[in-house]
Amino acid sequence: MNTHQTLTECVAQAQSRLDFWCRFITASHIKTMAEIGVYEGDFAAAVLKSCQALEKYYMVDPWRHLDDWNKPANEKDEVFEKIYEAALERTEFAAEKRTILRGKTTEIIDAIPDNSLDFAYIDGDHTLKGTTIDLVRLYPKIRPGGWIGGDDFSQTVWQHHTAFEPTLVFPFAVYFAEAVGSSIYGLPFNQFLIEKQNNQSFTFIDLMGQYSNVSLRNQFHPNKVLKLKLGEFFGSPVRLLKRAKNRLSK
């Protein structure tokens, strides 16, 4: 069964993001994988429990405050230490399979041999900088025929408050796949999958039918940004209307 067929079956059966990836990892007979952005270890624990064929699981995360990362999950060092301990505790049952690499991708990626991974899952720094680094540095680690999947393949770059860096997993992952000549799939639960194949031409297979526009012009149009800023400052028009009605009814 090829990747397209496997994904189609997983999409039809999956009830959640975790369920989807556990089905895909099992159906694809993945034995060696890496997770970039482990946080508290929920994803790692679920995969390690469900996917019995897994033999090696790299857990990659800085687990520390990063001064140049402007996202809501950037906690203080003391908070990250507790998060790190939680990740260790949740995956202790599979200690013989896990390899913990504590550091940024650029700091620890060389600990993973080239062409050694069947699969890598990215759920870390979703800024343009972070997405670029993770995809570029991970790609050589994937064996031919392997895959890179990821989270927050969001149709809008404004996933968080405009005070934070935009989330640019989409469309940058599509641009990256085109640059390296690989297929990329748009999946449910805001997920994506890039298939690494030799002598393969780029194709974007949108299994959800919701990623038609891969440009950024509309996302950063001044009118849209202004509307977002006004909504954050004053609240949405619907909420404002409800407040006005409540005041008038008193």
C-alpha atoms as a PDB file:
ATOM      1  CA  MET A   1       0.000   0.000   0.000  1.00  0.00           C
ATOM      2  CA  ASN A   2       1.460   3.381  -0.986  1.00  0.00           C
ATOM      3  CA  THR A   3       1.520   6.540   1.140  1.00  0.00           C
ATOM      4  CA  HIS A   4      -1.588   8.024  -0.463  1.00  0.00           C
ATOM      5  CA  GLN A   5      -3.627   4.893   0.213  1.00  0.00           C
ATOM      6  CA  THR A   6      -2.341   4.626   3.778  1.00  0.00           C
ATOM      7  CA  LEU A   7      -3.204   8.243   4.513  1.00  0.00           C
ATOM      8  CA  THR A   8      -6.659   7.914   2.970  1.00  0.00           C
ATOM      9  CA  GLU A   9      -7.444   4.976   5.261  1.00  0.00           C
ATOM     10  CA  CYS A  10      -6.046   6.754   8.332  1.00  0.00           C
ATOM     11  CA  VAL A  11      -8.032   9.914   7.555  1.00  0.00           C
ATOM     12  CA  ALA A  12     -11.239   7.893   7.280  1.00  0.00           C
ATOM     13  CA  GLN A  13     -10.711   6.132  10.613  1.00  0.00           C
ATOM     14  CA  ALA A  14      -8.931   8.620  12.877  1.00  0.00           C
ATOM     15  CA  GLN A  15     -10.828  10.292  15.716  1.00  0.00           C
ATOM     16  CA  SER A  16      -8.085  12.707  16.779  1.00  0.00           C
ATOM     17  CA  ARG A  17      -4.599  13.957  15.946  1.00  0.00           C
ATOM     18  CA  LEU A  18      -2.957  11.341  18.154  1.00  0.00           C
ATOM     19  CA  ASP A  19      -5.148   8.573  16.806  1.00  0.00           C
ATOM     20  CA  PHE A  20      -4.276   9.571  13.247  1.00  0.00           C
ATOM     21  CA  TRP A  21      -0.518   9.467  13.759  1.00  0.00           C
ATOM     22  CA  CYS A  22      -0.597   6.234  15.743  1.00  0.00           C
ATOM     23  CA  ARG A  23      -2.508   4.630  12.876  1.00  0.00           C
ATOM     24  CA  PHE A  24      -0.075   5.995  10.292  1.00  0.00           C
ATOM     25  CA  ILE A  25       3.056   4.982  12.231  1.00  0.00           C
ATOM     26  CA  THR A  26       1.687   1.458  12.732  1.00  0.00           C
ATOM     27  CA  ALA A  27       0.486   1.033   9.142  1.00  0.00           C
ATOM     28  CA  SER A  28       3.816   2.331   7.770  1.00  0.00           C
ATOM     29  CA  HIS A  29       5.871  -0.086   9.931  1.00  0.00           C
ATOM     30  CA  ILE A  30       7.960   2.766  11.336  1.00  0.00           C
ATOM     31  CA  LYS A  31      10.764   1.597  13.610  1.00  0.00           C
ATOM     32  CA  THR A  32      12.922   4.702  14.122  1.00  0.00           C
ATOM     33  CA  MET A  33      11.511   8.198  14.558  1.00  0.00           C
ATOM     34  CA  ALA A  34      12.145  11.578  16.139  1.00  0.00           C
ATOM     35  CA  GLU A  35       9.814  14.086  17.735  1.00  0.00           C
ATOM     36  CA  ILE A  36      10.843  17.745  17.630  1.00  0.00           C
ATOM     37  CA  GLY A  37       9.069  19.662  20.370  1.00  0.00           C
ATOM     38  CA  VAL A  38       8.152  17.116  23.045  1.00  0.00           C
ATOM     39  CA  TYR A  39       6.934  19.487  25.786  1.00  0.00           C
ATOM     40  CA  GLU A  40       5.227  17.350  28.480  1.00  0.00           C
ATOM     41  CA  GLY A  41       5.516  14.120  26.480  1.00  0.00           C
ATOM     42  CA  ASP A  42       1.838  13.440  25.758  1.00  0.00           C
ATOM     43  CA  PHE A  43       2.437  12.684  22.063  1.00  0.00           C
ATOM     44  CA  ALA A  44       5.518  10.557  22.784  1.00  0.00           C
ATOM     45  CA  ALA A  45       3.742   8.518  25.449  1.00  0.00           C
ATOM     46  CA  ALA A  46       0.720   7.841  23.231  1.00  0.00           C
ATOM     47  CA  VAL A  47       2.870   6.766  20.265  1.00  0.00           C
ATOM     48  CA  LEU A  48       5.192   4.589  22.345  1.00  0.00           C
ATOM     49  CA  LYS A  49       2.218   2.815  23.954  1.00  0.00           C
ATOM     50  CA  SER A  50       0.290   2.289  20.730  1.00  0.00           C
ATOM     51  CA  CYS A  51       3.030   1.550  18.178  1.00  0.00           C
ATOM     52  CA  GLN A  52       4.687  -1.642  19.340  1.00  0.00           C
ATOM     53  CA  ALA A  53       6.997  -1.958  16.310  1.00  0.00           C
ATOM     54  CA  LEU A  54       8.900   1.199  17.294  1.00  0.00           C
ATOM     55  CA  GLU A  55      12.480   0.465  18.292  1.00  0.00           C
ATOM     56  CA  LYS A  56      14.035   3.936  18.671  1.00  0.00           C
ATOM     57  CA  TYR A  57      12.370   7.232  19.546  1.00  0.00           C
ATOM     58  CA  TYR A  58      14.382  10.472  19.704  1.00  0.00           C
ATOM     59  CA  MET A  59      12.833  13.083  22.007  1.00  0.00           C
ATOM     60  CA  VAL A  60      14.152  16.506  20.962  1.00  0.00           C
ATOM     61  CA  ASP A  61      13.328  19.637  22.957  1.00  0.00           C
ATOM     62  CA  PRO A  62      15.307  22.490  24.587  1.00  0.00           C
ATOM     63  CA  TRP A  63      13.127  22.381  27.701  1.00  0.00           C
ATOM     64  CA  ARG A  64      14.365  25.861  28.563  1.00  0.00           C
ATOM     65  CA  HIS A  65      13.385  29.496  28.070  1.00  0.00           C
ATOM     66  CA  LEU A  66      14.506  30.909  24.716  1.00  0.00           C
ATOM     67  CA  ASP A  67      15.014  34.666  24.503  1.00  0.00           C
ATOM     68  CA  ASP A  68      14.473  34.706  20.719  1.00  0.00           C
ATOM     69  CA  TRP A  69      11.249  32.631  20.686  1.00  0.00           C
ATOM     70  CA  ASN A  70       8.148  34.821  20.830  1.00  0.00           C
ATOM     71  CA  LYS A  71       5.375  32.265  21.374  1.00  0.00           C
ATOM     72  CA  PRO A  72       2.908  31.679  24.267  1.00  0.00           C
ATOM     73  CA  ALA A  73       4.545  28.371  25.321  1.00  0.00           C
ATOM     74  CA  ASN A  74       7.901  30.048  26.096  1.00  0.00           C
ATOM     75  CA  GLU A  75       7.920  29.538  29.866  1.00  0.00           C
ATOM     76  CA  LYS A  76      10.532  30.359  32.504  1.00  0.00           C
ATOM     77  CA  ASP A  77      13.363  27.882  33.087  1.00  0.00           C
ATOM     78  CA  GLU A  78      11.926  26.673  36.385  1.00  0.00           C
ATOM     79  CA  VAL A  79       8.614  25.888  34.684  1.00  0.00           C
ATOM     80  CA  PHE A  80      10.371  24.078  31.852  1.00  0.00           C
ATOM     81  CA  GLU A  81      12.259  21.956  34.371  1.00  0.00           C
ATOM     82  CA  LYS A  82       8.938  20.633  35.677  1.00  0.00           C
ATOM     83  CA  ILE A  83       7.719  20.106  32.111  1.00  0.00           C
ATOM     84  CA  TYR A  84      10.896  18.144  31.360  1.00  0.00           C
ATOM     85  CA  GLU A  85      10.388  15.958  34.428  1.00  0.00           C
ATOM     86  CA  ALA A  86       6.790  15.303  33.352  1.00  0.00           C
ATOM     87  CA  ALA A  87       7.968  14.198  29.897  1.00  0.00           C
ATOM     88  CA  LEU A  88      10.471  11.798  31.459  1.00  0.00           C
ATOM     89  CA  GLU A  89       7.855  10.369  33.811  1.00  0.00           C
ATOM     90  CA  ARG A  90       5.263   9.870  31.054  1.00  0.00           C
ATOM     91  CA  THR A  91       7.702   7.953  28.839  1.00  0.00           C
ATOM     92  CA  GLU A  92       9.604   6.043  31.529  1.00  0.00           C
ATOM     93  CA  PHE A  93       7.761   2.847  30.601  1.00  0.00           C
ATOM     94  CA  ALA A  94       9.625   2.942  27.251  1.00  0.00           C
ATOM     95  CA  ALA A  95      13.010   4.078  28.582  1.00  0.00           C
ATOM     96  CA  GLU A  96      14.839   1.429  26.558  1.00  0.00           C
ATOM     97  CA  LYS A  97      13.430   2.844  23.317  1.00  0.00           C
ATOM     98  CA  ARG A  98      13.773   6.580  23.924  1.00  0.00           C
ATOM     99  CA  THR A  99      16.831   8.762  23.331  1.00  0.00           C
ATOM    100  CA  ILE A 100      16.553  12.182  24.984  1.00  0.00           C
ATOM    101  CA  LEU A 101      18.256  15.055  23.166  1.00  0.00           C
ATOM    102  CA  ARG A 102      17.871  18.205  25.248  1.00  0.00           C
ATOM    103  CA  GLY A 103      18.622  21.268  23.160  1.00  0.00           C
ATOM    104  CA  LYS A 104      17.536  23.248  20.127  1.00  0.00           C
ATOM    105  CA  THR A 105      17.511  21.505  16.762  1.00  0.00           C
ATOM    106  CA  THR A 106      20.694  23.304  15.707  1.00  0.00           C
ATOM    107  CA  GLU A 107      22.437  22.170  18.891  1.00  0.00           C
ATOM    108  CA  ILE A 108      21.664  18.439  18.867  1.00  0.00           C
ATOM    109  CA  ILE A 109      20.620  17.389  15.356  1.00  0.00           C
ATOM    110  CA  ASP A 110      24.040  15.915  14.534  1.00  0.00           C
ATOM    111  CA  ALA A 111      23.444  13.268  17.204  1.00  0.00           C
ATOM    112  CA  ILE A 112      21.000  11.690  14.737  1.00  0.00           C
ATOM    113  CA  PRO A 113      22.757   9.952  11.803  1.00  0.00           C
ATOM    114  CA  ASP A 114      21.835  10.951   8.256  1.00  0.00           C
ATOM    115  CA  ASN A 115      19.313   8.707   6.458  1.00  0.00           C
ATOM    116  CA  SER A 116      18.496   6.918   9.725  1.00  0.00           C
ATOM    117  CA  LEU A 117      14.927   8.012  10.485  1.00  0.00           C
ATOM    118  CA  ASP A 118      11.807   6.414   9.072  1.00  0.00           C
ATOM    119  CA  PHE A 119       9.736   9.334  10.337  1.00  0.00           C
ATOM    120  CA  ALA A 120      10.065  12.655  12.157  1.00  0.00           C
ATOM    121  CA  TYR A 121       7.260  14.669  13.738  1.00  0.00           C
ATOM    122  CA  ILE A 122       7.660  18.428  14.183  1.00  0.00           C
ATOM    123  CA  ASP A 123       5.677  20.237  16.871  1.00  0.00           C
ATOM    124  CA  GLY A 124       8.128  22.803  18.178  1.00  0.00           C
ATOM    125  CA  ASP A 125       8.896  26.352  17.085  1.00  0.00           C
ATOM    126  CA  HIS A 126       6.178  27.215  14.562  1.00  0.00           C
ATOM    127  CA  THR A 127       7.596  30.602  13.585  1.00  0.00           C
ATOM    128  CA  LEU A 128       9.098  31.049  10.122  1.00  0.00           C
ATOM    129  CA  LYS A 129      12.582  30.805  11.614  1.00  0.00           C
ATOM    130  CA  GLY A 130      11.833  27.660  13.592  1.00  0.00           C
ATOM    131  CA  THR A 131       9.938  25.909  10.808  1.00  0.00           C
ATOM    132  CA  THR A 132      12.754  26.620   8.366  1.00  0.00           C
ATOM    133  CA  ILE A 133      15.449  25.321  10.709  1.00  0.00           C
ATOM    134  CA  ASP A 134      13.540  22.166  11.643  1.00  0.00           C
ATOM    135  CA  LEU A 135      12.680  21.159   8.072  1.00  0.00           C
ATOM    136  CA  VAL A 136      16.070  21.994   6.559  1.00  0.00           C
ATOM    137  CA  ARG A 137      18.084  20.274   9.296  1.00  0.00           C
ATOM    138  CA  LEU A 138      15.792  17.243   9.637  1.00  0.00           C
ATOM    139  CA  TYR A 139      15.419  16.393   5.962  1.00  0.00           C
ATOM    140  CA  PRO A 140      18.889  14.773   5.589  1.00  0.00           C
ATOM    141  CA  LYS A 141      18.136  12.602   8.631  1.00  0.00           C
ATOM    142  CA  ILE A 142      15.183  10.955   6.867  1.00  0.00           C
ATOM    143  CA  ARG A 143      15.865   7.836   4.812  1.00  0.00           C
ATOM    144  CA  PRO A 144      14.670   7.767   1.182  1.00  0.00           C
ATOM    145  CA  GLY A 145      11.048   6.707   1.313  1.00  0.00           C
ATOM    146  CA  GLY A 146      10.606   8.127   4.814  1.00  0.00           C
ATOM    147  CA  TRP A 147       8.445  10.994   6.005  1.00  0.00           C
ATOM    148  CA  ILE A 148       8.310  14.254   7.949  1.00  0.00           C
ATOM    149  CA  GLY A 149       4.989  15.090   9.578  1.00  0.00           C
ATOM    150  CA  GLY A 150       3.986  18.094  11.591  1.00  0.00           C
ATOM    151  CA  ASP A 151       1.420  19.960  13.632  1.00  0.00           C
ATOM    152  CA  ASP A 152      -0.203  23.395  13.313  1.00  0.00           C
ATOM    153  CA  PHE A 153      -0.523  23.328   9.527  1.00  0.00           C
ATOM    154  CA  SER A 154      -2.949  26.160  10.100  1.00  0.00           C
ATOM    155  CA  GLN A 155      -4.742  28.047   7.334  1.00  0.00           C
ATOM    156  CA  THR A 156      -4.160  31.280   9.195  1.00  0.00           C
ATOM    157  CA  VAL A 157      -0.733  32.557  10.233  1.00  0.00           C
ATOM    158  CA  TRP A 158      -2.455  34.456  13.065  1.00  0.00           C
ATOM    159  CA  GLN A 159      -2.854  31.402  15.280  1.00  0.00           C
ATOM    160  CA  HIS A 160      -2.157  33.461  18.393  1.00  0.00           C
ATOM    161  CA  HIS A 161      -2.450  37.105  19.418  1.00  0.00           C
ATOM    162  CA  THR A 162      -0.727  39.495  16.998  1.00  0.00           C
ATOM    163  CA  ALA A 163       1.750  40.307  19.781  1.00  0.00           C
ATOM    164  CA  PHE A 164       3.312  36.918  18.985  1.00  0.00           C
ATOM    165  CA  GLU A 165       5.232  35.788  15.903  1.00  0.00           C
ATOM    166  CA  PRO A 166       2.964  34.388  13.164  1.00  0.00           C
ATOM    167  CA  THR A 167       2.644  30.623  12.764  1.00  0.00           C
ATOM    168  CA  LEU A 168       4.070  29.807   9.332  1.00  0.00           C
ATOM    169  CA  VAL A 169       4.136  26.012   9.178  1.00  0.00           C
ATOM    170  CA  PHE A 170       1.617  26.600   6.389  1.00  0.00           C
ATOM    171  CA  PRO A 171       2.488  27.622   3.772  1.00  0.00           C
ATOM    172  CA  PHE A 172       6.255  27.267   4.360  1.00  0.00           C
ATOM    173  CA  ALA A 173       6.137  23.447   4.528  1.00  0.00           C
ATOM    174  CA  VAL A 174       4.592  23.518   1.039  1.00  0.00           C
ATOM    175  CA  TYR A 175       7.359  25.791  -0.231  1.00  0.00           C
ATOM    176  CA  PHE A 176       9.972  23.499   1.312  1.00  0.00           C
ATOM    177  CA  ALA A 177       8.473  20.398  -0.311  1.00  0.00           C
ATOM    178  CA  GLU A 178       8.569  22.125  -3.676  1.00  0.00           C
ATOM    179  CA  ALA A 179      12.203  23.175  -3.131  1.00  0.00           C
ATOM    180  CA  VAL A 180      13.336  19.584  -2.451  1.00  0.00           C
ATOM    181  CA  GLY A 181      11.026  17.958  -4.993  1.00  0.00           C
ATOM    182  CA  SER A 182       8.846  16.000  -2.573  1.00  0.00           C
ATOM    183  CA  SER A 183       5.165  15.271  -2.170  1.00  0.00           C
ATOM    184  CA  ILE A 184       3.310  16.961   0.674  1.00  0.00           C
ATOM    185  CA  TYR A 185      -0.126  16.099   2.005  1.00  0.00           C
ATOM    186  CA  GLY A 186      -2.584  18.403   3.761  1.00  0.00           C
ATOM    187  CA  LEU A 187      -4.254  16.338   6.493  1.00  0.00           C
ATOM    188  CA  PRO A 188      -7.007  16.612   9.113  1.00  0.00           C
ATOM    189  CA  PHE A 189      -6.433  18.144  12.529  1.00  0.00           C
ATOM    190  CA  ASN A 190      -4.128  20.790  10.945  1.00  0.00           C
ATOM    191  CA  GLN A 191      -1.427  18.228  10.139  1.00  0.00           C
ATOM    192  CA  PHE A 192       0.910  17.739   7.165  1.00  0.00           C
ATOM    193  CA  LEU A 193       3.129  14.970   5.810  1.00  0.00           C
ATOM    194  CA  ILE A 194       6.123  15.262   3.464  1.00  0.00           C
ATOM    195  CA  GLU A 195       7.275  12.098   1.690  1.00  0.00           C
ATOM    196  CA  LYS A 196      10.985  11.927   0.846  1.00  0.00           C
ATOM    197  CA  GLN A 197      11.509  10.152  -2.458  1.00  0.00           C
ATOM    198  CA  ASN A 198      14.409  10.125  -4.894  1.00  0.00           C
ATOM    199  CA  ASN A 199      13.662  11.442  -8.392  1.00  0.00           C
ATOM    200  CA  GLN A 200      10.192  12.581  -7.383  1.00  0.00           C
ATOM    201  CA  SER A 201       8.579  15.791  -8.553  1.00  0.00           C
ATOM    202  CA  PHE A 202       6.757  18.155  -6.216  1.00  0.00           C
ATOM    203  CA  THR A 203       3.046  17.717  -5.673  1.00  0.00           C
ATOM    204  CA  PHE A 204       0.684  19.109  -3.031  1.00  0.00           C
ATOM    205  CA  ILE A 205      -2.120  16.675  -2.258  1.00  0.00           C
ATOM    206  CA  ASP A 206      -4.742  18.436  -0.173  1.00  0.00           C
ATOM    207  CA  LEU A 207      -6.784  15.591   1.293  1.00  0.00           C
ATOM    208  CA  MET A 208      -8.993  18.076   3.156  1.00  0.00           C
ATOM    209  CA  GLY A 209      -9.698  20.474   0.292  1.00  0.00           C
ATOM    210  CA  GLN A 210      -8.979  23.526   2.447  1.00  0.00           C
ATOM    211  CA  TYR A 211      -5.487  24.674   1.484  1.00  0.00           C
ATOM    212  CA  SER A 212      -6.142  26.172  -1.957  1.00  0.00           C
ATOM    213  CA  ASN A 213      -4.259  29.443  -1.433  1.00  0.00           C
ATOM    214  CA  VAL A 214      -0.569  29.059  -0.529  1.00  0.00           C
ATOM    215  CA  SER A 215       0.292  32.749  -0.857  1.00  0.00           C
ATOM    216  CA  LEU A 216       0.859  35.141   2.046  1.00  0.00           C
ATOM    217  CA  ARG A 217      -0.434  38.378   0.537  1.00  0.00           C
ATOM    218  CA  ASN A 218      -3.924  38.176   2.041  1.00  0.00           C
ATOM    219  CA  GLN A 219      -2.596  37.011   5.402  1.00  0.00           C
ATOM    220  CA  PHE A 220      -0.469  40.131   5.814  1.00  0.00           C
ATOM    221  CA  HIS A 221      -2.734  42.607   4.050  1.00  0.00           C
ATOM    222  CA  PRO A 222      -2.906  45.815   6.132  1.00  0.00           C
ATOM    223  CA  ASN A 223      -6.710  45.658   6.261  1.00  0.00           C
ATOM    224  CA  LYS A 224      -6.655  42.156   7.752  1.00  0.00           C
ATOM    225  CA  VAL A 225      -3.975  43.013  10.294  1.00  0.00           C
ATOM    226  CA  LEU A 226      -5.851  46.175  11.294  1.00  0.00           C
ATOM    227  CA  LYS A 227      -9.073  44.188  11.701  1.00  0.00           C
ATOM    228  CA  LEU A 228      -7.266  41.686  13.918  1.00  0.00           C
ATOM    229  CA  LYS A 229      -5.730  44.430  16.037  1.00  0.00           C
ATOM    230  CA  LEU A 230      -9.079  46.182  16.469  1.00  0.00           C
ATOM    231  CA  GLY A 231     -10.723  42.891  17.391  1.00  0.00           C
ATOM    232  CA  GLU A 232      -8.046  42.213  20.002  1.00  0.00           C
ATOM    233  CA  PHE A 233      -8.400  45.708  21.448  1.00  0.00           C
ATOM    234  CA  PHE A 234     -12.175  46.175  21.344  1.00  0.00           C
ATOM    235  CA  GLY A 235     -13.421  42.582  21.033  1.00  0.00           C
ATOM    236  CA  SER A 236     -15.231  40.951  18.126  1.00  0.00           C
ATOM    237  CA  PRO A 237     -18.266  42.717  16.564  1.00  0.00           C
ATOM    238  CA  VAL A 238     -20.483  39.871  17.814  1.00  0.00           C
ATOM    239  CA  ARG A 239     -19.316  40.322  21.398  1.00  0.00           C
ATOM    240  CA  LEU A 240     -19.683  44.103  21.149  1.00  0.00           C
ATOM    241  CA  LEU A 241     -23.235  43.720  19.840  1.00  0.00           C
ATOM    242  CA  LYS A 242     -24.143  41.345  22.676  1.00  0.00           C
ATOM    243  CA  ARG A 243     -22.742  43.794  25.229  1.00  0.00           C
ATOM    244  CA  ALA A 244     -24.753  46.631  23.710  1.00  0.00           C
ATOM    245  CA  LYS A 245     -27.954  44.563  23.749  1.00  0.00           C
ATOM    246  CA  ASN A 246     -27.373  43.551  27.375  1.00  0.00           C
ATOM    247  CA  ARG A 247     -26.902  47.183  28.395  1.00  0.00           C
ATOM    248  CA  LEU A 248     -30.009  48.311  26.531  1.00  0.00           C
ATOM    249  CA  SER A 249     -32.116  45.546  28.071  1.00  0.00           C
ATOM    250  CA  LYS A 250     -31.265  46.644  31.625  1.00  0.00           C
END
